[in-house]
Amino acid sequence: MSLEISASSDIFVEKIFGGARFLVCLPLWKEGFVHGFGGSEGVDFELFKKELSITNNISCKQVHGITILDINLGDYKSSETYEADGILGLTENSRDTNSTCIYIKTADCVPLIMIGPKMTAVVHAGWRGLASGIVKQALDLTKPISVIIGPCARDCCYEVGNEVIEAMSGFAAYKAKSNKLYLSTGQTASNIINSYNLDNGNTVNIFDCNICTICDTRFNSYRRQRDFSRNINFALVKNPTFSAC
């Protein structure tokens, strides 16, 4: 069951799965790509799996690195014991078959969903991941047509030191206000994607929700809450060729 609710624009709407609201990119949803960016509401995973015909949920132990887990290269279970900051699977745009759910958790870091002709990835990118190159790594693996940038820390709220700006190698999107620096992690990710477009002669469509987790209380934020509450960000992909259950 899903319910459309007005959101930040006509491109993004909210749908309810597992008893919780998820933000989705409507143009890609209409093309059959099932995905969502969760918020502060708890998710009933059993109901979530039933509603979306999910065979298995696969996540990872996030370590602010650049490793991306390909679920087709190993017999991965649903436990978060695999150290990675992205998960990759075969693109699925049919709602008529059972699928695997790949997901990452965020609370101010950037959640990205990259959808390519063959591969789809969900990516967790904090400022360290942005600086280390995880976005470029995921772009190379998925060769995406579209990238969705979910709720994350923005330059309205996210104060950082100069060393963070310098670590971004010219990609940082930031504002200086009252002798303080404020970084937009979402726009920084967008800058990296645009650079990739120029370098490779590609046209990757970027859909950015432009929501800040720090000031929008629908979403968990470590900076605001100072706890371990996290947002679930997911995409459905084809089941691996062997059973992942």
Protein backbone atom coordinates (compact mmCIF):
# COMPACT_ATOMS: atom_id res chain seq x y z
CA MET A 1 0.00 0.00 0.00
CA SER A 2 1.27 3.50 -0.77
CA LEU A 3 -0.06 7.00 -0.22
CA GLU A 4 1.09 10.07 -2.12
CA ILE A 5 1.62 13.14 0.04
CA SER A 6 2.81 16.55 -1.08
CA ALA A 7 6.58 16.95 -0.60
CA SER A 8 9.29 19.44 -1.55
CA SER A 9 8.28 19.61 -5.24
CA ASP A 10 6.21 17.85 -7.86
CA ILE A 11 9.28 15.73 -8.68
CA PHE A 12 9.44 14.20 -5.18
CA VAL A 13 6.49 12.70 -3.32
CA GLU A 14 6.12 10.59 -0.19
CA LYS A 15 4.87 7.02 -0.22
CA ILE A 16 4.18 4.75 2.74
CA PHE A 17 5.82 1.32 2.99
CA GLY A 18 6.11 -0.80 6.12
CA GLY A 19 4.12 1.79 8.01
CA ALA A 20 6.68 4.54 7.36
CA ARG A 21 6.98 7.39 4.89
CA PHE A 22 9.61 7.30 2.14
CA LEU A 23 10.52 10.09 -0.25
CA VAL A 24 10.59 8.91 -3.89
CA CYS A 25 11.55 10.54 -7.19
CA LEU A 26 8.28 10.44 -9.11
CA PRO A 27 9.63 10.42 -12.71
CA LEU A 28 11.81 7.38 -11.98
CA TRP A 29 9.11 5.72 -9.91
CA LYS A 30 6.77 5.96 -12.88
CA GLU A 31 9.41 4.22 -15.00
CA GLY A 32 9.24 1.25 -12.63
CA PHE A 33 12.33 1.89 -10.48
CA VAL A 34 11.25 1.17 -6.90
CA HIS A 35 13.28 3.14 -4.36
CA GLY A 36 12.87 5.42 -1.36
CA PHE A 37 14.56 7.69 1.17
CA GLY A 38 13.26 7.03 4.67
CA GLY A 39 12.88 9.35 7.62
CA SER A 40 12.42 9.29 11.35
CA GLU A 41 9.48 6.86 11.39
CA GLY A 42 10.21 3.24 12.27
CA VAL A 43 9.89 0.66 9.50
CA ASP A 44 8.11 -2.67 9.93
CA PHE A 45 10.48 -4.71 7.76
CA GLU A 46 8.22 -7.75 7.51
CA LEU A 47 5.37 -5.60 6.21
CA PHE A 48 7.83 -3.69 4.01
CA LYS A 49 9.03 -6.93 2.38
CA LYS A 50 5.48 -8.17 1.86
CA GLU A 51 4.19 -4.94 0.31
CA LEU A 52 7.10 -4.66 -2.15
CA SER A 53 7.51 -8.41 -2.92
CA ILE A 54 11.05 -8.43 -1.53
CA THR A 55 12.98 -11.70 -1.37
CA ASN A 56 15.77 -10.35 0.84
CA ASN A 57 17.11 -7.15 2.39
CA ILE A 58 20.88 -6.60 2.04
CA SER A 59 22.77 -3.86 3.84
CA CYS A 60 26.37 -3.33 5.01
CA LYS A 61 28.51 -2.07 7.87
CA GLN A 62 29.28 1.50 6.85
CA VAL A 63 32.80 2.72 7.58
CA HIS A 64 33.09 6.01 5.61
CA GLY A 65 35.26 4.33 2.97
CA ILE A 66 34.95 3.74 -0.78
CA THR A 67 34.16 0.01 -0.95
CA ILE A 68 31.03 -0.90 -2.91
CA LEU A 69 29.56 -4.37 -2.44
CA ASP A 70 28.33 -6.21 -5.57
CA ILE A 71 25.67 -8.65 -4.41
CA ASN A 72 26.17 -10.78 -7.53
CA LEU A 73 29.76 -11.63 -6.59
CA GLY A 74 29.11 -13.40 -3.29
CA ASP A 75 26.51 -15.23 -1.24
CA TYR A 76 25.56 -12.21 0.82
CA LYS A 77 23.00 -12.47 3.57
CA SER A 78 21.00 -9.64 5.09
CA SER A 79 23.24 -9.06 8.12
CA GLU A 80 25.34 -5.89 8.25
CA THR A 81 28.70 -7.65 8.63
CA TYR A 82 30.20 -6.59 5.30
CA GLU A 83 32.24 -3.39 5.51
CA ALA A 84 31.22 -1.15 2.63
CA ASP A 85 29.59 2.21 1.89
CA GLY A 86 27.69 1.23 -1.21
CA ILE A 87 25.79 -1.77 -2.57
CA LEU A 88 25.43 -2.72 -6.21
CA GLY A 89 22.91 -4.95 -7.98
CA LEU A 90 21.34 -5.59 -11.37
CA THR A 91 18.84 -2.92 -12.40
CA GLU A 92 15.18 -3.87 -11.94
CA ASN A 93 12.31 -1.85 -13.42
CA SER A 94 9.52 -4.41 -13.25
CA ARG A 95 7.13 -4.54 -10.31
CA ASP A 96 5.77 -7.91 -11.37
CA THR A 97 8.62 -10.01 -9.96
CA ASN A 98 10.20 -10.57 -6.56
CA SER A 99 13.28 -8.44 -5.98
CA THR A 100 16.17 -7.88 -3.58
CA CYS A 101 16.23 -4.71 -1.51
CA ILE A 102 19.64 -3.05 -1.13
CA TYR A 103 19.82 -0.26 1.42
CA ILE A 104 22.11 2.04 3.35
CA LYS A 105 21.55 4.17 6.44
CA THR A 106 22.23 7.88 6.80
CA ALA A 107 21.84 10.73 9.27
CA ASP A 108 23.28 13.85 7.51
CA CYS A 109 25.56 11.98 5.07
CA VAL A 110 24.45 11.90 1.42
CA PRO A 111 22.32 8.96 0.28
CA LEU A 112 22.61 8.45 -3.48
CA ILE A 113 20.72 6.07 -5.72
CA MET A 114 22.37 5.53 -9.10
CA ILE A 115 20.36 3.83 -11.84
CA GLY A 116 22.11 2.57 -14.95
CA PRO A 117 21.01 0.39 -17.88
CA LYS A 118 22.54 -2.69 -16.23
CA MET A 119 23.48 -1.81 -12.64
CA THR A 120 21.90 0.10 -9.76
CA ALA A 121 23.69 1.25 -6.61
CA VAL A 122 22.81 2.78 -3.26
CA VAL A 123 25.67 4.83 -1.83
CA HIS A 124 26.47 6.37 1.57
CA ALA A 125 28.77 9.39 1.25
CA GLY A 126 29.82 11.53 4.19
CA TRP A 127 32.36 14.28 3.69
CA ARG A 128 35.17 11.72 4.00
CA GLY A 129 33.57 9.52 1.34
CA LEU A 130 33.04 12.52 -0.93
CA ALA A 131 36.69 13.48 -0.50
CA SER A 132 37.95 9.91 -0.98
CA GLY A 133 36.12 9.29 -4.24
CA ILE A 134 33.20 6.96 -3.51
CA VAL A 135 30.88 8.90 -5.83
CA LYS A 136 33.27 8.57 -8.77
CA GLN A 137 33.74 4.88 -7.95
CA ALA A 138 29.99 4.28 -7.99
CA LEU A 139 29.59 6.23 -11.24
CA ASP A 140 32.23 4.06 -12.91
CA LEU A 141 30.48 0.88 -11.74
CA THR A 142 26.91 1.82 -12.65
CA LYS A 143 27.41 4.13 -15.64
CA PRO A 144 24.11 5.68 -14.60
CA ILE A 145 21.45 7.39 -16.63
CA SER A 146 20.00 8.96 -13.49
CA VAL A 147 21.21 9.75 -9.98
CA ILE A 148 18.90 10.66 -7.10
CA ILE A 149 20.33 12.72 -4.22
CA GLY A 150 18.35 12.26 -1.03
CA PRO A 151 18.02 14.28 2.18
CA CYS A 152 21.39 15.21 3.69
CA ALA A 153 23.27 18.03 5.42
CA ARG A 154 23.09 21.29 3.45
CA ASP A 155 24.78 24.66 3.57
CA CYS A 156 21.91 26.22 5.52
CA CYS A 157 23.04 24.31 8.62
CA TYR A 158 26.17 22.16 8.18
CA GLU A 159 29.13 24.05 9.67
CA VAL A 160 32.55 22.56 8.85
CA GLY A 161 36.21 23.46 9.20
CA ASN A 162 38.40 24.70 6.37
CA GLU A 163 40.16 21.31 6.28
CA VAL A 164 36.89 19.71 5.11
CA ILE A 165 36.54 22.20 2.26
CA GLU A 166 40.16 21.65 1.22
CA ALA A 167 39.71 17.87 1.26
CA MET A 168 37.06 18.13 -1.50
CA SER A 169 39.65 19.02 -4.18
CA GLY A 170 37.64 21.91 -5.58
CA PHE A 171 34.27 20.13 -5.59
CA ALA A 172 33.00 21.57 -2.30
CA ALA A 173 29.74 23.53 -2.47
CA TYR A 174 29.79 25.85 0.50
CA LYS A 175 28.87 29.27 1.83
CA ALA A 176 30.81 31.58 4.13
CA LYS A 177 28.64 33.28 6.75
CA SER A 178 29.88 35.30 9.73
CA ASN A 179 33.39 33.87 9.38
CA LYS A 180 32.03 30.32 9.38
CA LEU A 181 31.90 27.77 6.56
CA TYR A 182 28.76 25.79 5.72
CA LEU A 183 28.94 22.79 3.37
CA SER A 184 26.19 21.33 1.19
CA THR A 185 27.05 17.64 0.93
CA GLY A 186 24.28 17.14 -1.65
CA GLN A 187 25.49 19.90 -3.97
CA THR A 188 29.07 18.69 -3.53
CA ALA A 189 27.97 15.26 -4.76
CA SER A 190 26.21 16.97 -7.66
CA ASN A 191 29.43 18.84 -8.54
CA ILE A 192 31.31 15.53 -8.67
CA ILE A 193 28.66 14.02 -10.95
CA ASN A 194 28.73 17.05 -13.27
CA SER A 195 32.51 16.78 -13.49
CA TYR A 196 32.10 13.11 -14.41
CA ASN A 197 29.66 14.16 -17.16
CA LEU A 198 32.20 16.60 -18.61
CA ASP A 199 35.12 14.19 -18.38
CA ASN A 200 33.26 11.32 -20.04
CA GLY A 201 30.94 13.11 -22.43
CA ASN A 202 27.96 11.69 -20.56
CA THR A 203 24.59 13.11 -19.63
CA VAL A 204 23.62 11.86 -16.20
CA ASN A 205 20.27 13.23 -15.03
CA ILE A 206 20.51 14.48 -11.45
CA PHE A 207 17.40 14.59 -9.28
CA ASP A 208 18.16 16.39 -6.00
CA CYS A 209 15.42 16.68 -3.39
CA ASN A 210 17.22 19.71 -1.84
CA ILE A 211 16.14 18.68 1.67
CA CYS A 212 18.40 19.31 4.66
CA THR A 213 18.27 16.63 7.34
CA ILE A 214 19.52 19.02 10.02
CA CYS A 215 16.59 21.42 9.82
CA ASP A 216 13.85 19.15 8.42
CA THR A 217 12.57 17.15 11.39
CA ARG A 218 10.93 14.49 9.18
CA PHE A 219 14.42 13.01 8.90
CA ASN A 220 16.98 11.79 11.43
CA SER A 221 20.02 14.01 11.88
CA TYR A 222 23.06 13.24 14.00
CA ARG A 223 23.95 16.93 14.19
CA ARG A 224 20.49 17.81 15.52
CA GLN A 225 19.69 14.75 17.65
CA ARG A 226 23.14 13.53 18.73
CA ASP A 227 22.00 9.90 18.78
CA PHE A 228 22.20 6.81 16.55
CA SER A 229 18.82 7.13 14.81
CA ARG A 230 19.22 6.60 11.06
CA ASN A 231 17.25 7.02 7.81
CA ILE A 232 16.75 3.94 5.59
CA ASN A 233 17.50 4.55 1.90
CA PHE A 234 16.75 1.71 -0.53
CA ALA A 235 16.43 0.52 -4.11
CA LEU A 236 15.05 -2.74 -5.46
CA VAL A 237 17.32 -4.77 -7.76
CA LYS A 238 17.09 -8.15 -9.45
CA ASN A 239 17.68 -11.17 -7.23
CA PRO A 240 21.25 -12.53 -7.60
CA THR A 241 21.67 -15.52 -9.92
CA PHE A 242 22.12 -17.74 -6.85
CA SER A 243 19.91 -17.63 -3.76
CA ALA A 244 20.90 -14.90 -1.29
CA CYS A 245 18.47 -16.14 1.34
